[in-house]
Amino acid sequence: MENRTEPTGRARRHRLRSLRAVAVIVGLLLVAWIVAGFLRADTVARDYFAHAHVGATVANVQSDGMTPGVPPFWQVQIRGDVIEAGRAGPAYQSSMRLWVEPITGFVVVMGAG
């Protein structure tokens, strides 16, 4: 004869309550990540793009695409005209594919040209 202990109704309710709490927390984190990405990812990418071209001015900066990547990162494709010091017009056009963590502002360059 097997001696199996089945969870009581009380333990089952406690487990369900715990699972619901975890689901709510995960849902809130997901919503916060999406909201932060839409509000900050583009701004962080533009700031990084401007600072990456030290000694030059960037103009006509455009975000070609911003999509959620692997959490917590957002993928941002950005490009703009670079005006080197001492020149009157744009010298070349630069573009970057950046993975941006919108809350901390951490940026990983996945491609630049």
C-alpha atoms as a PDB file:
ATOM      1  CA  MET A   1       0.000   0.000   0.000  1.00  0.00           C
ATOM      2  CA  GLU A   2       1.386   3.383  -1.024  1.00  0.00           C
ATOM      3  CA  ASN A   3       1.588   6.189   1.423  1.00  0.00           C
ATOM      4  CA  ARG A   4       1.019   9.296  -0.715  1.00  0.00           C
ATOM      5  CA  THR A   5       0.356  12.584   0.870  1.00  0.00           C
ATOM      6  CA  GLU A   6      -1.981  14.717  -1.184  1.00  0.00           C
ATOM      7  CA  PRO A   7      -1.923  18.457  -0.615  1.00  0.00           C
ATOM      8  CA  THR A   8      -4.791  19.676   1.433  1.00  0.00           C
ATOM      9  CA  GLY A   9      -7.224  22.246   0.119  1.00  0.00           C
ATOM     10  CA  ARG A  10      -5.473  24.888   2.185  1.00  0.00           C
ATOM     11  CA  ALA A  11      -2.040  24.105   0.664  1.00  0.00           C
ATOM     12  CA  ARG A  12      -3.522  24.077  -2.829  1.00  0.00           C
ATOM     13  CA  ARG A  13      -5.074  27.530  -2.318  1.00  0.00           C
ATOM     14  CA  HIS A  14      -1.794  28.855  -0.935  1.00  0.00           C
ATOM     15  CA  ARG A  15       0.087  27.538  -3.987  1.00  0.00           C
ATOM     16  CA  LEU A  16      -2.439  29.126  -6.367  1.00  0.00           C
ATOM     17  CA  ARG A  17      -2.202  32.425  -4.513  1.00  0.00           C
ATOM     18  CA  SER A  18       1.599  32.329  -4.783  1.00  0.00           C
ATOM     19  CA  LEU A  19       1.436  31.581  -8.517  1.00  0.00           C
ATOM     20  CA  ARG A  20      -0.956  34.474  -9.051  1.00  0.00           C
ATOM     21  CA  ALA A  21       1.367  36.822  -7.151  1.00  0.00           C
ATOM     22  CA  VAL A  22       4.330  35.741  -9.285  1.00  0.00           C
ATOM     23  CA  ALA A  23       2.262  36.180 -12.471  1.00  0.00           C
ATOM     24  CA  VAL A  24       1.234  39.696 -11.406  1.00  0.00           C
ATOM     25  CA  ILE A  25       4.836  40.666 -10.622  1.00  0.00           C
ATOM     26  CA  VAL A  26       6.104  39.308 -13.953  1.00  0.00           C
ATOM     27  CA  GLY A  27       3.282  41.128 -15.759  1.00  0.00           C
ATOM     28  CA  LEU A  28       4.097  44.425 -14.036  1.00  0.00           C
ATOM     29  CA  LEU A  29       7.798  44.059 -14.904  1.00  0.00           C
ATOM     30  CA  LEU A  30       6.922  43.375 -18.536  1.00  0.00           C
ATOM     31  CA  VAL A  31       4.660  46.430 -18.716  1.00  0.00           C
ATOM     32  CA  ALA A  32       7.339  48.609 -17.053  1.00  0.00           C
ATOM     33  CA  TRP A  33       9.938  47.371 -19.563  1.00  0.00           C
ATOM     34  CA  ILE A  34       7.674  48.143 -22.528  1.00  0.00           C
ATOM     35  CA  VAL A  35       6.749  51.610 -21.230  1.00  0.00           C
ATOM     36  CA  ALA A  36      10.375  52.463 -20.409  1.00  0.00           C
ATOM     37  CA  GLY A  37      11.455  51.264 -23.853  1.00  0.00           C
ATOM     38  CA  PHE A  38       8.947  53.405 -25.689  1.00  0.00           C
ATOM     39  CA  LEU A  39       9.748  56.458 -23.571  1.00  0.00           C
ATOM     40  CA  ARG A  40      13.553  56.237 -23.352  1.00  0.00           C
ATOM     41  CA  ALA A  41      15.166  53.851 -25.852  1.00  0.00           C
ATOM     42  CA  ASP A  42      15.157  56.351 -28.730  1.00  0.00           C
ATOM     43  CA  THR A  43      16.498  59.175 -26.543  1.00  0.00           C
ATOM     44  CA  VAL A  44      19.296  57.018 -25.129  1.00  0.00           C
ATOM     45  CA  ALA A  45      20.236  55.841 -28.643  1.00  0.00           C
ATOM     46  CA  ARG A  46      20.349  59.416 -29.989  1.00  0.00           C
ATOM     47  CA  ASP A  47      22.520  60.526 -27.077  1.00  0.00           C
ATOM     48  CA  TYR A  48      24.912  57.611 -27.593  1.00  0.00           C
ATOM     49  CA  PHE A  49      25.035  58.297 -31.346  1.00  0.00           C
ATOM     50  CA  ALA A  50      25.925  61.959 -30.766  1.00  0.00           C
ATOM     51  CA  HIS A  51      28.641  61.128 -28.228  1.00  0.00           C
ATOM     52  CA  ALA A  52      30.112  58.368 -30.407  1.00  0.00           C
ATOM     53  CA  HIS A  53      31.191  60.964 -32.966  1.00  0.00           C
ATOM     54  CA  VAL A  54      33.664  62.855 -30.795  1.00  0.00           C
ATOM     55  CA  GLY A  55      34.899  66.097 -32.327  1.00  0.00           C
ATOM     56  CA  ALA A  56      32.183  66.124 -34.973  1.00  0.00           C
ATOM     57  CA  THR A  57      28.649  67.390 -35.201  1.00  0.00           C
ATOM     58  CA  VAL A  58      25.769  65.122 -36.159  1.00  0.00           C
ATOM     59  CA  ALA A  59      22.775  66.434 -38.068  1.00  0.00           C
ATOM     60  CA  ASN A  60      19.569  64.968 -39.496  1.00  0.00           C
ATOM     61  CA  VAL A  61      19.592  62.150 -36.941  1.00  0.00           C
ATOM     62  CA  GLN A  62      16.785  59.681 -37.614  1.00  0.00           C
ATOM     63  CA  SER A  63      15.656  56.534 -35.895  1.00  0.00           C
ATOM     64  CA  ASP A  64      14.949  53.991 -38.624  1.00  0.00           C
ATOM     65  CA  GLY A  65      13.436  51.463 -36.295  1.00  0.00           C
ATOM     66  CA  MET A  66      12.907  50.673 -32.640  1.00  0.00           C
ATOM     67  CA  THR A  67      11.762  47.216 -31.589  1.00  0.00           C
ATOM     68  CA  PRO A  68      11.770  45.217 -28.377  1.00  0.00           C
ATOM     69  CA  GLY A  69      14.758  42.905 -28.317  1.00  0.00           C
ATOM     70  CA  VAL A  70      15.788  40.370 -25.749  1.00  0.00           C
ATOM     71  CA  PRO A  71      14.615  41.731 -22.383  1.00  0.00           C
ATOM     72  CA  PRO A  72      15.788  44.110 -21.011  1.00  0.00           C
ATOM     73  CA  PHE A  73      17.184  45.440 -24.317  1.00  0.00           C
ATOM     74  CA  TRP A  74      15.521  47.330 -27.168  1.00  0.00           C
ATOM     75  CA  GLN A  75      16.974  47.337 -30.675  1.00  0.00           C
ATOM     76  CA  VAL A  76      17.327  50.798 -32.224  1.00  0.00           C
ATOM     77  CA  GLN A  77      18.591  51.526 -35.734  1.00  0.00           C
ATOM     78  CA  ILE A  78      19.791  55.103 -36.021  1.00  0.00           C
ATOM     79  CA  ARG A  79      21.539  57.155 -38.696  1.00  0.00           C
ATOM     80  CA  GLY A  80      22.618  60.727 -39.328  1.00  0.00           C
ATOM     81  CA  ASP A  81      24.928  63.052 -41.226  1.00  0.00           C
ATOM     82  CA  VAL A  82      28.336  63.699 -39.665  1.00  0.00           C
ATOM     83  CA  ILE A  83      29.932  67.119 -40.077  1.00  0.00           C
ATOM     84  CA  GLU A  84      33.612  66.966 -39.191  1.00  0.00           C
ATOM     85  CA  ALA A  85      35.344  69.872 -37.480  1.00  0.00           C
ATOM     86  CA  GLY A  86      36.349  72.597 -39.929  1.00  0.00           C
ATOM     87  CA  ARG A  87      33.916  71.523 -42.659  1.00  0.00           C
ATOM     88  CA  ALA A  88      30.824  73.384 -43.742  1.00  0.00           C
ATOM     89  CA  GLY A  89      28.734  70.418 -44.906  1.00  0.00           C
ATOM     90  CA  PRO A  90      28.240  66.780 -44.071  1.00  0.00           C
ATOM     91  CA  ALA A  91      31.289  64.603 -44.689  1.00  0.00           C
ATOM     92  CA  TYR A  92      29.514  61.250 -44.511  1.00  0.00           C
ATOM     93  CA  GLN A  93      26.459  59.463 -43.220  1.00  0.00           C
ATOM     94  CA  SER A  94      26.840  57.192 -40.215  1.00  0.00           C
ATOM     95  CA  SER A  95      24.467  54.476 -39.059  1.00  0.00           C
ATOM     96  CA  MET A  96      24.383  52.208 -36.026  1.00  0.00           C
ATOM     97  CA  ARG A  97      22.388  49.274 -34.768  1.00  0.00           C
ATOM     98  CA  LEU A  98      22.251  49.615 -31.003  1.00  0.00           C
ATOM     99  CA  TRP A  99      20.859  47.423 -28.253  1.00  0.00           C
ATOM    100  CA  VAL A 100      19.684  49.812 -25.556  1.00  0.00           C
ATOM    101  CA  GLU A 101      18.680  49.070 -21.976  1.00  0.00           C
ATOM    102  CA  PRO A 102      16.292  51.993 -21.460  1.00  0.00           C
ATOM    103  CA  ILE A 103      16.255  52.202 -17.659  1.00  0.00           C
ATOM    104  CA  THR A 104      20.021  52.312 -16.981  1.00  0.00           C
ATOM    105  CA  GLY A 105      21.028  53.714 -20.368  1.00  0.00           C
ATOM    106  CA  PHE A 106      23.471  50.851 -21.061  1.00  0.00           C
ATOM    107  CA  VAL A 107      24.182  50.525 -24.805  1.00  0.00           C
ATOM    108  CA  VAL A 108      25.705  47.664 -26.799  1.00  0.00           C
ATOM    109  CA  VAL A 109      26.789  48.434 -30.369  1.00  0.00           C
ATOM    110  CA  MET A 110      25.738  45.573 -32.640  1.00  0.00           C
ATOM    111  CA  GLY A 111      26.892  47.235 -35.850  1.00  0.00           C
ATOM    112  CA  ALA A 112      28.149  50.580 -37.081  1.00  0.00           C
ATOM    113  CA  GLY A 113      29.098  52.023 -40.415  1.00  0.00           C
END
